N, C-alpha and C. Protein backbone atom coordinates (compact mmCIF):
# COMPACT_ATOMS: atom_id res chain seq x y z
N MET A 1 0.82 -1.21 0.00
CA MET A 1 0.00 0.00 0.00
C MET A 1 0.86 1.26 0.00
N ARG A 2 1.95 1.21 0.75
CA ARG A 2 2.81 2.40 0.79
C ARG A 2 3.34 2.73 -0.59
N GLY A 3 3.76 1.67 -1.34
CA GLY A 3 4.30 1.89 -2.68
C GLY A 3 3.27 2.53 -3.59
N LYS A 4 2.01 2.05 -3.52
CA LYS A 4 0.96 2.59 -4.37
C LYS A 4 0.65 4.03 -4.01
N ALA A 5 0.62 4.31 -2.71
CA ALA A 5 0.31 5.66 -2.27
C ALA A 5 1.40 6.63 -2.72
N THR A 6 2.65 6.19 -2.63
CA THR A 6 3.76 7.04 -3.04
C THR A 6 3.70 7.31 -4.52
N ARG A 7 3.39 6.29 -5.29
CA ARG A 7 3.30 6.43 -6.75
C ARG A 7 2.19 7.41 -7.12
N LEU A 8 1.05 7.29 -6.46
CA LEU A 8 -0.08 8.17 -6.76
C LEU A 8 0.29 9.61 -6.46
N HIS A 9 0.99 9.81 -5.35
CA HIS A 9 1.40 11.16 -4.98
C HIS A 9 2.32 11.74 -6.06
N THR A 10 3.21 10.91 -6.57
CA THR A 10 4.14 11.35 -7.60
C THR A 10 3.41 11.79 -8.85
N LEU A 11 2.46 10.97 -9.30
CA LEU A 11 1.72 11.29 -10.51
C LEU A 11 0.93 12.58 -10.34
N GLN A 12 0.29 12.75 -9.21
CA GLN A 12 -0.49 13.95 -8.98
C GLN A 12 0.42 15.17 -8.91
N GLY A 13 1.58 15.01 -8.25
CA GLY A 13 2.50 16.12 -8.11
C GLY A 13 3.03 16.61 -9.44
N ILE A 14 3.34 15.67 -10.32
CA ILE A 14 3.88 16.06 -11.63
C ILE A 14 2.81 16.68 -12.49
N LYS A 15 1.64 16.06 -12.56
CA LYS A 15 0.59 16.56 -13.43
C LYS A 15 0.16 17.97 -13.06
N SER A 16 0.14 18.26 -11.78
CA SER A 16 -0.30 19.58 -11.34
C SER A 16 0.81 20.61 -11.52
N SER A 17 2.06 20.13 -11.72
CA SER A 17 3.18 21.06 -11.82
C SER A 17 3.56 21.39 -13.25
N LEU A 18 3.20 20.54 -14.21
CA LEU A 18 3.62 20.75 -15.58
C LEU A 18 3.04 22.04 -16.14
N ILE A 19 3.87 22.77 -16.93
CA ILE A 19 3.40 23.99 -17.57
C ILE A 19 3.64 23.83 -19.06
N PRO A 20 2.74 23.21 -19.81
CA PRO A 20 2.97 22.97 -21.23
C PRO A 20 2.99 24.26 -22.03
N HIS A 21 3.89 24.36 -22.95
CA HIS A 21 3.99 25.52 -23.83
C HIS A 21 3.16 25.24 -25.08
N PRO A 22 2.38 26.21 -25.55
CA PRO A 22 1.55 26.00 -26.74
C PRO A 22 2.31 25.51 -27.95
N SER A 23 3.54 26.01 -28.12
CA SER A 23 4.31 25.62 -29.31
C SER A 23 4.67 24.15 -29.29
N SER A 24 4.78 23.56 -28.07
CA SER A 24 5.16 22.16 -27.98
C SER A 24 4.02 21.25 -28.43
N LEU A 25 2.79 21.76 -28.37
CA LEU A 25 1.64 20.95 -28.76
C LEU A 25 1.56 20.83 -30.28
N ALA A 26 2.10 21.84 -30.97
CA ALA A 26 2.01 21.84 -32.42
C ALA A 26 3.32 21.46 -33.08
N ALA A 27 4.24 20.94 -32.29
CA ALA A 27 5.56 20.60 -32.82
C ALA A 27 5.47 19.46 -33.82
N GLY A 28 6.19 19.62 -34.91
CA GLY A 28 6.19 18.57 -35.92
C GLY A 28 7.35 17.63 -35.71
N SER A 29 7.85 17.06 -36.79
CA SER A 29 8.97 16.14 -36.67
C SER A 29 10.21 16.89 -36.23
N ALA A 30 11.08 16.21 -35.50
CA ALA A 30 12.26 16.85 -34.93
C ALA A 30 13.24 17.25 -36.03
N VAL A 31 13.82 18.41 -35.86
CA VAL A 31 14.85 18.88 -36.79
C VAL A 31 16.14 18.14 -36.44
N ALA A 32 16.92 17.83 -37.45
CA ALA A 32 18.11 17.02 -37.24
C ALA A 32 19.05 17.63 -36.21
N SER A 33 19.17 18.97 -36.21
CA SER A 33 20.12 19.63 -35.32
C SER A 33 19.52 19.94 -33.95
N SER A 34 18.30 19.52 -33.71
CA SER A 34 17.63 19.83 -32.46
C SER A 34 18.04 18.86 -31.35
N VAL A 35 18.28 19.40 -30.16
CA VAL A 35 18.65 18.60 -29.00
C VAL A 35 17.70 18.94 -27.85
N ARG A 36 17.13 17.92 -27.23
CA ARG A 36 16.23 18.14 -26.10
C ARG A 36 17.00 17.91 -24.80
N ILE A 37 16.93 18.88 -23.90
CA ILE A 37 17.71 18.86 -22.66
C ILE A 37 16.78 18.90 -21.45
N LEU A 38 17.06 18.03 -20.50
CA LEU A 38 16.33 18.03 -19.22
C LEU A 38 17.24 18.63 -18.15
N GLY A 39 16.79 19.73 -17.55
CA GLY A 39 17.52 20.34 -16.45
C GLY A 39 16.88 19.91 -15.14
N ILE A 40 17.72 19.63 -14.14
CA ILE A 40 17.21 19.17 -12.84
C ILE A 40 17.84 20.00 -11.72
N ASP A 41 16.99 20.48 -10.82
CA ASP A 41 17.44 21.15 -9.60
C ASP A 41 17.07 20.23 -8.45
N PRO A 42 18.00 19.38 -7.99
CA PRO A 42 17.66 18.35 -7.00
C PRO A 42 17.39 18.90 -5.61
N GLY A 43 16.46 18.28 -4.92
CA GLY A 43 16.14 18.64 -3.54
C GLY A 43 15.33 17.53 -2.93
N LEU A 44 15.48 17.27 -1.66
CA LEU A 44 14.75 16.19 -1.04
C LEU A 44 13.27 16.51 -0.89
N VAL A 45 12.95 17.75 -0.59
CA VAL A 45 11.55 18.16 -0.44
C VAL A 45 10.94 18.47 -1.80
N VAL A 46 11.64 19.29 -2.60
CA VAL A 46 11.17 19.67 -3.93
C VAL A 46 12.30 19.51 -4.94
N THR A 47 12.07 18.77 -5.98
CA THR A 47 13.03 18.65 -7.08
C THR A 47 12.42 19.33 -8.30
N GLY A 48 13.09 20.35 -8.78
CA GLY A 48 12.59 21.06 -9.96
C GLY A 48 13.11 20.41 -11.24
N PHE A 49 12.30 20.46 -12.28
CA PHE A 49 12.75 19.95 -13.58
C PHE A 49 12.29 20.90 -14.68
N GLY A 50 13.04 20.95 -15.76
CA GLY A 50 12.68 21.79 -16.89
C GLY A 50 13.23 21.20 -18.17
N VAL A 51 12.43 21.18 -19.20
CA VAL A 51 12.83 20.59 -20.49
C VAL A 51 12.79 21.66 -21.56
N ILE A 52 13.88 21.77 -22.32
CA ILE A 52 13.94 22.73 -23.43
C ILE A 52 14.51 22.04 -24.67
N ASP A 53 14.24 22.63 -25.81
CA ASP A 53 14.84 22.18 -27.07
C ASP A 53 15.82 23.24 -27.54
N ARG A 54 16.98 22.79 -28.00
CA ARG A 54 17.95 23.70 -28.59
C ARG A 54 18.11 23.33 -30.06
N THR A 55 17.83 24.29 -30.93
CA THR A 55 18.01 24.10 -32.36
C THR A 55 18.93 25.21 -32.84
N GLY A 56 20.17 24.88 -33.12
CA GLY A 56 21.17 25.90 -33.43
C GLY A 56 21.37 26.76 -32.19
N GLN A 57 21.15 28.06 -32.34
CA GLN A 57 21.27 28.99 -31.21
C GLN A 57 19.91 29.33 -30.60
N LYS A 58 18.85 28.70 -31.12
CA LYS A 58 17.51 29.00 -30.63
C LYS A 58 17.09 28.02 -29.54
N LEU A 59 16.41 28.55 -28.52
CA LEU A 59 15.91 27.73 -27.44
C LEU A 59 14.38 27.76 -27.44
N ALA A 60 13.78 26.62 -27.15
CA ALA A 60 12.32 26.53 -27.10
C ALA A 60 11.91 25.79 -25.83
N TYR A 61 10.96 26.38 -25.14
CA TYR A 61 10.45 25.78 -23.90
C TYR A 61 9.55 24.59 -24.22
N VAL A 62 9.69 23.52 -23.46
CA VAL A 62 8.84 22.33 -23.63
C VAL A 62 7.93 22.16 -22.42
N THR A 63 8.51 22.02 -21.25
CA THR A 63 7.72 21.86 -20.03
C THR A 63 8.59 22.08 -18.80
N SER A 64 7.96 22.26 -17.67
CA SER A 64 8.71 22.38 -16.42
C SER A 64 7.77 22.12 -15.26
N GLY A 65 8.31 21.90 -14.09
CA GLY A 65 7.48 21.64 -12.93
C GLY A 65 8.29 21.19 -11.74
N CYS A 66 7.62 20.62 -10.77
CA CYS A 66 8.28 20.20 -9.54
C CYS A 66 7.77 18.82 -9.11
N ILE A 67 8.66 18.05 -8.53
CA ILE A 67 8.31 16.77 -7.92
C ILE A 67 8.41 16.97 -6.41
N ARG A 68 7.32 16.86 -5.72
CA ARG A 68 7.29 17.07 -4.27
C ARG A 68 7.20 15.72 -3.56
N THR A 69 8.04 15.53 -2.56
CA THR A 69 8.03 14.26 -1.84
C THR A 69 7.21 14.40 -0.55
N PRO A 70 6.46 13.35 -0.20
CA PRO A 70 5.68 13.38 1.04
C PRO A 70 6.59 13.15 2.24
N LYS A 71 6.18 13.59 3.39
CA LYS A 71 6.96 13.33 4.60
C LYS A 71 6.92 11.84 4.89
N GLY A 72 8.01 11.31 5.42
CA GLY A 72 8.07 9.89 5.72
C GLY A 72 9.47 9.36 5.63
N GLU A 73 9.60 8.08 5.38
CA GLU A 73 10.90 7.44 5.31
C GLU A 73 11.72 7.96 4.13
N LEU A 74 13.02 8.07 4.35
CA LEU A 74 13.91 8.60 3.32
C LEU A 74 13.85 7.78 2.04
N ALA A 75 13.85 6.45 2.16
CA ALA A 75 13.84 5.59 0.98
C ALA A 75 12.61 5.86 0.12
N ALA A 76 11.45 6.05 0.76
CA ALA A 76 10.22 6.30 0.02
C ALA A 76 10.27 7.65 -0.68
N ARG A 77 10.89 8.63 -0.03
CA ARG A 77 10.99 9.96 -0.63
C ARG A 77 11.92 9.95 -1.84
N LEU A 78 13.02 9.21 -1.73
CA LEU A 78 13.94 9.10 -2.86
C LEU A 78 13.29 8.36 -4.02
N LYS A 79 12.47 7.37 -3.71
CA LYS A 79 11.75 6.64 -4.76
C LYS A 79 10.77 7.56 -5.48
N THR A 80 10.16 8.48 -4.74
CA THR A 80 9.25 9.44 -5.36
C THR A 80 9.99 10.28 -6.39
N ILE A 81 11.21 10.72 -6.04
CA ILE A 81 12.01 11.51 -6.98
C ILE A 81 12.40 10.67 -8.19
N LEU A 82 12.85 9.44 -7.95
CA LEU A 82 13.27 8.56 -9.04
C LEU A 82 12.11 8.26 -9.98
N ASP A 83 10.95 7.93 -9.42
CA ASP A 83 9.77 7.63 -10.24
C ASP A 83 9.30 8.86 -11.00
N GLY A 84 9.34 10.01 -10.32
CA GLY A 84 8.89 11.24 -10.97
C GLY A 84 9.75 11.62 -12.15
N LEU A 85 11.06 11.56 -11.99
CA LEU A 85 11.96 11.89 -13.09
C LEU A 85 11.86 10.87 -14.21
N ALA A 86 11.62 9.61 -13.85
CA ALA A 86 11.44 8.58 -14.87
C ALA A 86 10.23 8.89 -15.73
N GLU A 87 9.18 9.39 -15.11
CA GLU A 87 7.97 9.73 -15.87
C GLU A 87 8.22 10.92 -16.79
N VAL A 88 8.97 11.92 -16.29
CA VAL A 88 9.30 13.08 -17.12
C VAL A 88 10.13 12.65 -18.33
N ILE A 89 11.11 11.80 -18.09
CA ILE A 89 11.97 11.31 -19.18
C ILE A 89 11.16 10.51 -20.20
N ALA A 90 10.28 9.65 -19.71
CA ALA A 90 9.46 8.84 -20.61
C ALA A 90 8.51 9.70 -21.42
N ALA A 91 7.98 10.74 -20.81
CA ALA A 91 6.98 11.58 -21.48
C ALA A 91 7.60 12.53 -22.50
N HIS A 92 8.83 12.99 -22.25
CA HIS A 92 9.39 14.05 -23.10
C HIS A 92 10.67 13.67 -23.84
N GLY A 93 11.25 12.52 -23.53
CA GLY A 93 12.37 11.99 -24.29
C GLY A 93 13.58 12.90 -24.44
N PRO A 94 14.14 13.42 -23.35
CA PRO A 94 15.35 14.24 -23.48
C PRO A 94 16.53 13.41 -23.96
N ALA A 95 17.47 14.08 -24.63
CA ALA A 95 18.68 13.41 -25.11
C ALA A 95 19.85 13.63 -24.16
N GLN A 96 19.77 14.69 -23.36
CA GLN A 96 20.85 15.02 -22.43
C GLN A 96 20.25 15.55 -21.13
N VAL A 97 21.03 15.44 -20.06
CA VAL A 97 20.57 15.91 -18.75
C VAL A 97 21.61 16.86 -18.17
N ALA A 98 21.13 17.96 -17.60
CA ALA A 98 22.00 18.92 -16.91
C ALA A 98 21.53 19.03 -15.47
N LEU A 99 22.46 18.91 -14.54
CA LEU A 99 22.12 18.87 -13.12
C LEU A 99 22.87 19.95 -12.36
N GLU A 100 22.18 20.59 -11.43
CA GLU A 100 22.86 21.59 -10.60
C GLU A 100 23.59 20.88 -9.47
N LYS A 101 24.86 21.22 -9.30
CA LYS A 101 25.65 20.59 -8.24
C LYS A 101 25.18 21.01 -6.86
N VAL A 102 25.35 20.12 -5.91
CA VAL A 102 24.95 20.39 -4.54
C VAL A 102 26.00 21.28 -3.87
N PHE A 103 25.53 22.31 -3.17
CA PHE A 103 26.45 23.16 -2.44
C PHE A 103 26.66 22.59 -1.03
N VAL A 104 27.75 22.98 -0.40
CA VAL A 104 28.06 22.50 0.95
C VAL A 104 27.32 23.37 1.95
N ASN A 105 26.40 22.78 2.69
CA ASN A 105 25.61 23.51 3.67
C ASN A 105 26.30 23.50 5.02
N ALA A 106 26.00 24.51 5.83
CA ALA A 106 26.59 24.57 7.17
C ALA A 106 26.09 23.42 8.04
N ASN A 107 24.93 22.90 7.71
CA ASN A 107 24.35 21.78 8.45
C ASN A 107 24.73 20.48 7.75
N PRO A 108 25.58 19.66 8.35
CA PRO A 108 26.02 18.41 7.72
C PRO A 108 24.87 17.48 7.34
N GLN A 109 23.84 17.41 8.20
CA GLN A 109 22.71 16.53 7.92
C GLN A 109 21.95 16.98 6.68
N SER A 110 21.75 18.29 6.54
CA SER A 110 21.06 18.82 5.36
C SER A 110 21.86 18.55 4.10
N THR A 111 23.19 18.71 4.21
CA THR A 111 24.06 18.45 3.07
C THR A 111 23.99 16.99 2.64
N LEU A 112 23.95 16.09 3.61
CA LEU A 112 23.87 14.66 3.33
C LEU A 112 22.56 14.32 2.63
N LEU A 113 21.45 14.85 3.13
CA LEU A 113 20.14 14.58 2.53
C LEU A 113 20.05 15.13 1.11
N LEU A 114 20.58 16.34 0.91
CA LEU A 114 20.57 16.94 -0.42
C LEU A 114 21.43 16.13 -1.37
N GLY A 115 22.56 15.61 -0.85
CA GLY A 115 23.43 14.78 -1.67
C GLY A 115 22.75 13.49 -2.11
N GLN A 116 21.91 12.95 -1.25
CA GLN A 116 21.18 11.73 -1.61
C GLN A 116 20.13 12.01 -2.68
N ALA A 117 19.50 13.17 -2.60
CA ALA A 117 18.54 13.56 -3.63
C ALA A 117 19.27 13.75 -4.96
N ARG A 118 20.46 14.35 -4.90
CA ARG A 118 21.27 14.53 -6.12
C ARG A 118 21.65 13.19 -6.71
N GLY A 119 22.07 12.26 -5.83
CA GLY A 119 22.44 10.93 -6.31
C GLY A 119 21.28 10.23 -6.99
N THR A 120 20.08 10.43 -6.47
CA THR A 120 18.89 9.84 -7.07
C THR A 120 18.64 10.42 -8.46
N ALA A 121 18.84 11.73 -8.59
CA ALA A 121 18.65 12.38 -9.89
C ALA A 121 19.69 11.86 -10.89
N ILE A 122 20.92 11.66 -10.43
CA ILE A 122 21.96 11.11 -11.31
C ILE A 122 21.59 9.70 -11.76
N CYS A 123 21.07 8.91 -10.82
CA CYS A 123 20.65 7.54 -11.15
C CYS A 123 19.56 7.53 -12.21
N SER A 124 18.65 8.50 -12.14
CA SER A 124 17.55 8.55 -13.11
C SER A 124 18.10 8.73 -14.52
N ALA A 125 19.14 9.56 -14.65
CA ALA A 125 19.75 9.77 -15.97
C ALA A 125 20.51 8.53 -16.41
N VAL A 126 21.28 7.95 -15.50
CA VAL A 126 22.10 6.78 -15.82
C VAL A 126 21.23 5.58 -16.20
N LEU A 127 20.15 5.37 -15.48
CA LEU A 127 19.26 4.24 -15.76
C LEU A 127 18.61 4.34 -17.14
N HIS A 128 18.49 5.57 -17.65
CA HIS A 128 17.91 5.75 -18.99
C HIS A 128 18.98 5.96 -20.05
N GLY A 129 20.24 5.76 -19.67
CA GLY A 129 21.33 5.85 -20.63
C GLY A 129 21.56 7.25 -21.17
N LEU A 130 21.27 8.28 -20.37
CA LEU A 130 21.42 9.66 -20.83
C LEU A 130 22.71 10.28 -20.33
N PRO A 131 23.43 10.98 -21.21
CA PRO A 131 24.65 11.67 -20.78
C PRO A 131 24.29 12.81 -19.83
N LEU A 132 25.12 13.05 -18.83
CA LEU A 132 24.81 14.03 -17.80
C LEU A 132 25.98 14.97 -17.58
N ALA A 133 25.64 16.25 -17.41
CA ALA A 133 26.64 17.28 -17.09
C ALA A 133 26.19 18.00 -15.83
N GLU A 134 27.16 18.43 -15.02
CA GLU A 134 26.84 19.12 -13.78
C GLU A 134 27.42 20.53 -13.79
N TYR A 135 26.66 21.46 -13.21
CA TYR A 135 27.09 22.85 -13.13
C TYR A 135 26.82 23.38 -11.73
N THR A 136 27.71 24.21 -11.23
CA THR A 136 27.47 24.84 -9.94
C THR A 136 26.43 25.94 -10.11
N ALA A 137 25.83 26.34 -9.00
CA ALA A 137 24.84 27.42 -9.05
C ALA A 137 25.48 28.70 -9.60
N LEU A 138 26.74 28.94 -9.23
CA LEU A 138 27.44 30.13 -9.72
C LEU A 138 27.59 30.09 -11.23
N GLN A 139 27.95 28.92 -11.77
CA GLN A 139 28.11 28.78 -13.22
C GLN A 139 26.79 29.02 -13.94
N VAL A 140 25.71 28.47 -13.39
CA VAL A 140 24.39 28.62 -14.01
C VAL A 140 23.97 30.08 -14.01
N LYS A 141 24.11 30.74 -12.88
CA LYS A 141 23.70 32.15 -12.78
C LYS A 141 24.55 33.04 -13.68
N GLN A 142 25.84 32.75 -13.74
CA GLN A 142 26.73 33.53 -14.61
C GLN A 142 26.35 33.35 -16.07
N ALA A 143 26.00 32.13 -16.44
CA ALA A 143 25.66 31.84 -17.83
C ALA A 143 24.32 32.45 -18.23
N VAL A 144 23.34 32.38 -17.35
CA VAL A 144 21.98 32.79 -17.71
C VAL A 144 21.72 34.27 -17.43
N VAL A 145 22.19 34.75 -16.27
CA VAL A 145 21.92 36.13 -15.89
C VAL A 145 23.11 37.05 -16.18
N GLY A 146 24.32 36.46 -16.22
CA GLY A 146 25.51 37.28 -16.40
C GLY A 146 26.07 37.75 -15.07
N ASN A 147 25.52 37.19 -13.98
CA ASN A 147 25.95 37.56 -12.63
C ASN A 147 25.89 36.31 -11.76
N GLY A 148 27.05 35.83 -11.33
CA GLY A 148 27.11 34.60 -10.55
C GLY A 148 26.45 34.69 -9.19
N HIS A 149 26.12 35.91 -8.77
CA HIS A 149 25.49 36.09 -7.45
C HIS A 149 24.05 36.59 -7.58
N ALA A 150 23.45 36.38 -8.72
CA ALA A 150 22.06 36.80 -8.93
C ALA A 150 21.14 36.06 -7.97
N ASP A 151 20.04 36.72 -7.57
CA ASP A 151 19.10 36.06 -6.67
C ASP A 151 18.07 35.28 -7.48
N LYS A 152 17.23 34.52 -6.79
CA LYS A 152 16.27 33.64 -7.46
C LYS A 152 15.30 34.43 -8.34
N ARG A 153 14.90 35.62 -7.88
CA ARG A 153 13.96 36.43 -8.65
C ARG A 153 14.56 36.84 -9.99
N GLN A 154 15.84 37.17 -10.00
CA GLN A 154 16.51 37.55 -11.24
C GLN A 154 16.64 36.36 -12.18
N VAL A 155 16.90 35.18 -11.62
CA VAL A 155 16.98 33.97 -12.44
C VAL A 155 15.62 33.67 -13.07
N GLN A 156 14.56 33.78 -12.29
CA GLN A 156 13.21 33.54 -12.81
C GLN A 156 12.88 34.50 -13.95
N GLU A 157 13.22 35.77 -13.76
CA GLU A 157 12.92 36.78 -14.77
C GLU A 157 13.70 36.53 -16.06
N MET A 158 14.98 36.17 -15.92
CA MET A 158 15.79 35.96 -17.12
C MET A 158 15.36 34.70 -17.85
N VAL A 159 14.99 33.66 -17.12
CA VAL A 159 14.49 32.44 -17.75
C VAL A 159 13.20 32.75 -18.52
N ARG A 160 12.34 33.54 -17.91
CA ARG A 160 11.09 33.91 -18.59
C ARG A 160 11.37 34.63 -19.90
N ARG A 161 12.33 35.55 -19.88
CA ARG A 161 12.64 36.32 -21.08
C ARG A 161 13.31 35.46 -22.16
N LEU A 162 14.27 34.65 -21.74
CA LEU A 162 14.99 33.83 -22.71
C LEU A 162 14.08 32.81 -23.40
N LEU A 163 13.12 32.26 -22.65
CA LEU A 163 12.24 31.23 -23.21
C LEU A 163 10.90 31.78 -23.65
N LYS A 164 10.74 33.12 -23.52
CA LYS A 164 9.52 33.80 -23.97
C LYS A 164 8.26 33.21 -23.32
N LEU A 165 8.31 33.07 -22.00
CA LEU A 165 7.18 32.52 -21.26
C LEU A 165 6.18 33.61 -20.91
N GLY A 166 4.94 33.21 -20.67
CA GLY A 166 3.91 34.16 -20.32
C GLY A 166 4.02 34.66 -18.89
N GLY A 167 4.75 33.95 -18.04
CA GLY A 167 4.92 34.34 -16.65
C GLY A 167 6.14 33.66 -16.08
N ASN A 168 6.52 34.07 -14.88
CA ASN A 168 7.69 33.46 -14.25
C ASN A 168 7.38 32.06 -13.75
N PRO A 169 8.23 31.09 -14.05
CA PRO A 169 8.06 29.74 -13.48
C PRO A 169 8.38 29.78 -12.00
N SER A 170 8.01 28.73 -11.27
CA SER A 170 8.34 28.66 -9.84
C SER A 170 9.85 28.67 -9.68
N ALA A 171 10.31 29.01 -8.48
CA ALA A 171 11.75 29.13 -8.25
C ALA A 171 12.51 27.84 -8.57
N ASP A 172 11.96 26.69 -8.14
CA ASP A 172 12.65 25.41 -8.38
C ASP A 172 12.65 25.04 -9.86
N ALA A 173 11.52 25.28 -10.54
CA ALA A 173 11.44 24.99 -11.97
C ALA A 173 12.36 25.93 -12.74
N ALA A 174 12.42 27.20 -12.32
CA ALA A 174 13.29 28.18 -12.98
C ALA A 174 14.75 27.78 -12.86
N ASP A 175 15.15 27.30 -11.68
CA ASP A 175 16.53 26.86 -11.50
C ASP A 175 16.86 25.68 -12.42
N ALA A 176 15.91 24.78 -12.58
CA ALA A 176 16.12 23.63 -13.46
C ALA A 176 16.21 24.07 -14.91
N LEU A 177 15.33 24.98 -15.32
CA LEU A 177 15.36 25.51 -16.69
C LEU A 177 16.66 26.27 -16.93
N ALA A 178 17.11 27.02 -15.93
CA ALA A 178 18.35 27.77 -16.06
C ALA A 178 19.53 26.83 -16.25
N CYS A 179 19.50 25.70 -15.56
CA CYS A 179 20.56 24.71 -15.69
C CYS A 179 20.56 24.14 -17.11
N ALA A 180 19.38 23.89 -17.65
CA ALA A 180 19.26 23.37 -19.01
C ALA A 180 19.76 24.41 -20.02
N ILE A 181 19.42 25.67 -19.80
CA ILE A 181 19.87 26.76 -20.68
C ILE A 181 21.39 26.87 -20.64
N CYS A 182 21.95 26.81 -19.44
CA CYS A 182 23.41 26.87 -19.28
C CYS A 182 24.07 25.75 -20.09
N HIS A 183 23.52 24.55 -19.99
CA HIS A 183 24.08 23.41 -20.72
C HIS A 183 23.90 23.57 -22.22
N ALA A 184 22.77 24.11 -22.64
CA ALA A 184 22.48 24.27 -24.07
C ALA A 184 23.53 25.13 -24.76
N HIS A 185 24.11 26.04 -24.02
CA HIS A 185 25.13 26.92 -24.58
C HIS A 185 26.52 26.57 -24.06
N GLY A 186 26.66 25.32 -23.65
CA GLY A 186 27.97 24.86 -23.21
C GLY A 186 28.45 25.55 -21.96
N GLY A 187 27.49 26.12 -21.18
CA GLY A 187 27.86 26.83 -19.97
C GLY A 187 28.49 28.18 -20.27
N GLN A 188 28.40 28.63 -21.54
CA GLN A 188 29.08 29.86 -21.93
C GLN A 188 28.11 30.91 -22.45
N LEU A 189 26.85 30.88 -22.04
CA LEU A 189 25.87 31.83 -22.55
C LEU A 189 26.25 33.26 -22.19
N GLY A 190 26.56 33.47 -20.93
CA GLY A 190 27.12 34.72 -20.43
C GLY A 190 26.51 35.99 -20.99
N ARG A 191 27.35 36.80 -21.63
CA ARG A 191 26.93 38.13 -22.06
C ARG A 191 25.84 38.06 -23.11
N MET A 192 25.81 37.00 -23.90
CA MET A 192 24.79 36.90 -24.94
C MET A 192 23.39 36.89 -24.34
N ALA A 193 23.26 36.27 -23.16
CA ALA A 193 21.96 36.19 -22.51
C ALA A 193 21.44 37.55 -22.11
N THR A 194 22.34 38.43 -21.68
CA THR A 194 21.92 39.71 -21.16
C THR A 194 22.11 40.84 -22.16
N ALA A 195 22.41 40.49 -23.41
CA ALA A 195 22.57 41.52 -24.42
C ALA A 195 21.26 42.30 -24.55
N GLY A 196 21.36 43.62 -24.50
CA GLY A 196 20.17 44.45 -24.62
C GLY A 196 19.50 44.72 -23.28
N TYR A 197 19.97 44.09 -22.21
CA TYR A 197 19.40 44.31 -20.89
C TYR A 197 20.43 45.01 -20.01
N ARG A 198 19.96 45.67 -18.94
CA ARG A 198 20.85 46.26 -17.97
C ARG A 198 20.25 46.09 -16.58
N MET A 199 21.10 46.22 -15.57
CA MET A 199 20.65 46.06 -14.19
C MET A 199 20.22 47.43 -13.65
N LYS A 200 19.06 47.48 -13.01
CA LYS A 200 18.57 48.69 -12.37
C LYS A 200 17.91 48.29 -11.06
N ARG A 201 18.49 48.72 -9.94
CA ARG A 201 17.96 48.40 -8.62
C ARG A 201 17.78 46.89 -8.43
N GLY A 202 18.78 46.15 -8.92
CA GLY A 202 18.75 44.70 -8.73
C GLY A 202 17.84 43.96 -9.70
N ARG A 203 17.29 44.66 -10.70
CA ARG A 203 16.39 44.00 -11.67
C ARG A 203 16.96 44.14 -13.07
N LEU A 204 16.67 43.15 -13.91
CA LEU A 204 17.05 43.22 -15.31
C LEU A 204 16.00 44.03 -16.05
N VAL A 205 16.43 45.07 -16.76
CA VAL A 205 15.48 45.93 -17.49
C VAL A 205 15.95 46.10 -18.93
């Protein structure tokens, strides 16, 4: 019963979190040079995911959302993450995975738990035979915002602009999308991302 309940929670969590882009519904056959990337922002409580397509220098939003784990045993929570990411991979067929590296927290227990969530995300990619790249939060922010110390609000805003979204994605989904964007440009998006924008009172304008 526990396994079934956990699975049901996973399915509900993903379905309610997905933000389908209209263009993805009308997508035709894949272009030869197109690459689909799954970005993951691992976390034991909330794991963000975001899927984008890169065709040449163009990026297209596919979907994003969060996998939320229920309170309970650690093994069951990790299974929720593994099952959730497996469903995202099966549904959207990414060719590559980009993962945000875990930072060292002042609390050793928190760092350990976050590391286990990261390990689960890595396993999801490995089990599906997908190549994986890892980036630090500083690398992702530098690539997407042009500032390695940008706050979450700035990351959300820049992700919205780069992917031409109707609104800002949630913080966890935005971090995952930012990781995918960073990978799409080889981690070197940098100034190109912020071309035409400037900082004013901590905001991109």
